[in-house]
Amino acid sequence: MKNKTKRNEYKNSQDFLEDIELMRRNTQIYNGELHPISVLANELESYAKSVVQSKIEEILTLETLVKEVG
């Protein structure tokens, strides 16, 4: 995800949230749902979704502008 961000590979907030979700699912598969890493991944996913939701209008405006320029 760090490299994708540096390379500007995320075309929209949904792509970013899908990678967060994938990360969370992988931590649960490989570490178990109660493992501390899985618990943190759940918290991170919840936080990311809440931040995106709280800024959705601004994000959609910026995504539109990026599409127009690109």
N, C-alpha and C. Protein backbone atom coordinates (compact mmCIF):
# COMPACT_ATOMS: atom_id res chain seq x y z
N MET A 1 0.82 -1.18 0.00
CA MET A 1 0.00 0.00 0.00
C MET A 1 0.87 1.25 0.00
N LYS A 2 1.95 1.19 0.72
CA LYS A 2 2.86 2.34 0.77
C LYS A 2 3.38 2.65 -0.63
N ASN A 3 3.80 1.61 -1.34
CA ASN A 3 4.32 1.81 -2.69
C ASN A 3 3.23 2.27 -3.65
N LYS A 4 2.03 1.71 -3.51
CA LYS A 4 0.92 2.14 -4.37
C LYS A 4 0.64 3.63 -4.15
N THR A 5 0.70 4.05 -2.92
CA THR A 5 0.45 5.47 -2.62
C THR A 5 1.54 6.33 -3.24
N LYS A 6 2.79 5.93 -3.09
CA LYS A 6 3.90 6.70 -3.65
C LYS A 6 3.81 6.78 -5.17
N ARG A 7 3.32 5.71 -5.79
CA ARG A 7 3.23 5.68 -7.26
C ARG A 7 1.89 6.22 -7.77
N ASN A 8 1.08 6.76 -6.86
CA ASN A 8 -0.24 7.31 -7.22
C ASN A 8 -1.11 6.29 -7.95
N GLU A 9 -1.10 5.06 -7.48
CA GLU A 9 -1.87 4.00 -8.13
C GLU A 9 -3.32 3.96 -7.69
N TYR A 10 -3.65 4.61 -6.59
CA TYR A 10 -5.04 4.61 -6.16
C TYR A 10 -5.81 5.63 -6.98
N LYS A 11 -6.78 5.15 -7.74
CA LYS A 11 -7.57 6.03 -8.61
C LYS A 11 -8.75 6.66 -7.88
N ASN A 12 -9.15 6.03 -6.77
CA ASN A 12 -10.25 6.56 -5.98
C ASN A 12 -10.20 5.99 -4.56
N SER A 13 -11.04 6.54 -3.71
CA SER A 13 -11.03 6.12 -2.31
C SER A 13 -11.47 4.67 -2.16
N GLN A 14 -12.33 4.20 -3.04
CA GLN A 14 -12.80 2.81 -2.96
C GLN A 14 -11.65 1.83 -3.17
N ASP A 15 -10.76 2.12 -4.10
CA ASP A 15 -9.59 1.26 -4.31
C ASP A 15 -8.75 1.17 -3.05
N PHE A 16 -8.57 2.31 -2.39
CA PHE A 16 -7.79 2.34 -1.15
C PHE A 16 -8.48 1.52 -0.07
N LEU A 17 -9.78 1.72 0.10
CA LEU A 17 -10.51 0.97 1.13
C LEU A 17 -10.53 -0.52 0.84
N GLU A 18 -10.54 -0.91 -0.42
CA GLU A 18 -10.49 -2.33 -0.76
C GLU A 18 -9.17 -2.95 -0.34
N ASP A 19 -8.07 -2.22 -0.47
CA ASP A 19 -6.78 -2.74 -0.02
C ASP A 19 -6.73 -2.83 1.50
N ILE A 20 -7.33 -1.87 2.18
CA ILE A 20 -7.40 -1.93 3.65
C ILE A 20 -8.18 -3.18 4.07
N GLU A 21 -9.30 -3.42 3.39
CA GLU A 21 -10.11 -4.60 3.70
C GLU A 21 -9.34 -5.89 3.43
N LEU A 22 -8.62 -5.94 2.32
CA LEU A 22 -7.81 -7.11 1.99
C LEU A 22 -6.75 -7.36 3.06
N MET A 23 -6.12 -6.29 3.51
CA MET A 23 -5.12 -6.42 4.57
C MET A 23 -5.75 -7.00 5.83
N ARG A 24 -6.92 -6.49 6.19
CA ARG A 24 -7.60 -6.98 7.39
C ARG A 24 -7.96 -8.45 7.26
N ARG A 25 -8.50 -8.82 6.10
CA ARG A 25 -8.87 -10.23 5.89
C ARG A 25 -7.64 -11.13 5.97
N ASN A 26 -6.53 -10.69 5.39
CA ASN A 26 -5.31 -11.49 5.42
C ASN A 26 -4.78 -11.66 6.83
N THR A 27 -4.86 -10.61 7.64
CA THR A 27 -4.39 -10.77 9.02
C THR A 27 -5.23 -11.80 9.76
N GLN A 28 -6.52 -11.83 9.48
CA GLN A 28 -7.39 -12.80 10.15
C GLN A 28 -7.13 -14.22 9.66
N ILE A 29 -6.90 -14.36 8.36
CA ILE A 29 -6.64 -15.69 7.80
C ILE A 29 -5.33 -16.25 8.35
N TYR A 30 -4.28 -15.44 8.36
CA TYR A 30 -2.95 -15.94 8.72
C TYR A 30 -2.61 -15.85 10.19
N ASN A 31 -3.34 -15.03 10.95
CA ASN A 31 -3.02 -14.86 12.36
C ASN A 31 -4.18 -15.21 13.29
N GLY A 32 -5.37 -15.36 12.75
CA GLY A 32 -6.55 -15.62 13.58
C GLY A 32 -7.22 -14.30 13.96
N GLU A 33 -8.52 -14.37 14.17
CA GLU A 33 -9.30 -13.16 14.42
C GLU A 33 -8.94 -12.46 15.73
N LEU A 34 -8.44 -13.20 16.71
CA LEU A 34 -8.18 -12.61 18.02
C LEU A 34 -6.73 -12.16 18.21
N HIS A 35 -5.91 -12.41 17.22
CA HIS A 35 -4.50 -12.00 17.31
C HIS A 35 -4.42 -10.47 17.38
N PRO A 36 -3.48 -9.93 18.15
CA PRO A 36 -3.37 -8.46 18.27
C PRO A 36 -3.23 -7.73 16.93
N ILE A 37 -2.54 -8.35 15.98
CA ILE A 37 -2.41 -7.71 14.66
C ILE A 37 -3.78 -7.64 13.98
N SER A 38 -4.56 -8.70 14.10
CA SER A 38 -5.90 -8.71 13.51
C SER A 38 -6.80 -7.68 14.18
N VAL A 39 -6.68 -7.56 15.47
CA VAL A 39 -7.48 -6.55 16.20
C VAL A 39 -7.11 -5.15 15.72
N LEU A 40 -5.82 -4.89 15.58
CA LEU A 40 -5.38 -3.58 15.06
C LEU A 40 -5.84 -3.36 13.62
N ALA A 41 -5.81 -4.40 12.82
CA ALA A 41 -6.26 -4.28 11.43
C ALA A 41 -7.75 -3.93 11.38
N ASN A 42 -8.54 -4.53 12.26
CA ASN A 42 -9.96 -4.19 12.35
C ASN A 42 -10.14 -2.72 12.71
N GLU A 43 -9.37 -2.27 13.68
CA GLU A 43 -9.45 -0.87 14.10
C GLU A 43 -9.03 0.07 12.97
N LEU A 44 -7.98 -0.30 12.25
CA LEU A 44 -7.51 0.52 11.14
C LEU A 44 -8.56 0.61 10.05
N GLU A 45 -9.18 -0.52 9.72
CA GLU A 45 -10.21 -0.52 8.69
C GLU A 45 -11.39 0.36 9.11
N SER A 46 -11.82 0.23 10.34
CA SER A 46 -12.93 1.06 10.83
C SER A 46 -12.57 2.54 10.78
N TYR A 47 -11.36 2.86 11.19
CA TYR A 47 -10.91 4.25 11.18
C TYR A 47 -10.85 4.79 9.75
N ALA A 48 -10.27 4.02 8.84
CA ALA A 48 -10.16 4.47 7.45
C ALA A 48 -11.53 4.71 6.84
N LYS A 49 -12.46 3.79 7.08
CA LYS A 49 -13.82 3.97 6.55
C LYS A 49 -14.49 5.20 7.14
N SER A 50 -14.31 5.44 8.42
CA SER A 50 -14.95 6.60 9.04
C SER A 50 -14.36 7.91 8.53
N VAL A 51 -13.05 7.94 8.32
CA VAL A 51 -12.42 9.16 7.79
C VAL A 51 -12.88 9.42 6.36
N VAL A 52 -12.90 8.39 5.54
CA VAL A 52 -13.36 8.56 4.16
C VAL A 52 -14.82 9.04 4.16
N GLN A 53 -15.65 8.41 4.98
CA GLN A 53 -17.05 8.80 5.02
C GLN A 53 -17.23 10.24 5.48
N SER A 54 -16.44 10.66 6.45
CA SER A 54 -16.58 12.02 6.98
C SER A 54 -16.11 13.08 5.98
N LYS A 55 -15.30 12.68 5.02
CA LYS A 55 -14.75 13.61 4.03
C LYS A 55 -15.21 13.29 2.61
N ILE A 56 -16.29 12.52 2.48
CA ILE A 56 -16.67 11.97 1.18
C ILE A 56 -16.94 13.04 0.13
N GLU A 57 -17.57 14.13 0.50
CA GLU A 57 -17.84 15.16 -0.50
C GLU A 57 -16.55 15.76 -1.05
N GLU A 58 -15.62 16.05 -0.16
CA GLU A 58 -14.33 16.59 -0.58
C GLU A 58 -13.57 15.58 -1.44
N ILE A 59 -13.60 14.33 -1.03
CA ILE A 59 -12.90 13.28 -1.76
C ILE A 59 -13.48 13.12 -3.16
N LEU A 60 -14.80 13.09 -3.26
CA LEU A 60 -15.43 12.94 -4.58
C LEU A 60 -15.11 14.12 -5.49
N THR A 61 -15.07 15.31 -4.93
CA THR A 61 -14.70 16.49 -5.71
C THR A 61 -13.28 16.36 -6.24
N LEU A 62 -12.37 15.96 -5.37
CA LEU A 62 -10.98 15.81 -5.78
C LEU A 62 -10.81 14.69 -6.80
N GLU A 63 -11.52 13.58 -6.62
CA GLU A 63 -11.45 12.48 -7.56
C GLU A 63 -11.94 12.93 -8.95
N THR A 64 -12.99 13.72 -8.98
CA THR A 64 -13.51 14.24 -10.24
C THR A 64 -12.48 15.14 -10.92
N LEU A 65 -11.85 16.00 -10.14
CA LEU A 65 -10.84 16.90 -10.70
C LEU A 65 -9.65 16.13 -11.26
N VAL A 66 -9.24 15.09 -10.57
CA VAL A 66 -8.12 14.27 -11.03
C VAL A 66 -8.48 13.58 -12.34
N LYS A 67 -9.70 13.08 -12.45
CA LYS A 67 -10.14 12.42 -13.70
C LYS A 67 -10.13 13.41 -14.86
N GLU A 68 -10.55 14.64 -14.58
CA GLU A 68 -10.60 15.65 -15.63
C GLU A 68 -9.20 16.02 -16.13
N VAL A 69 -8.24 16.09 -15.22
CA VAL A 69 -6.87 16.44 -15.57
C VAL A 69 -6.17 15.29 -16.26
N GLY A 70 -6.42 14.08 -15.75
CA GLY A 70 -5.73 12.89 -16.25
C GLY A 70 -6.28 12.45 -17.53
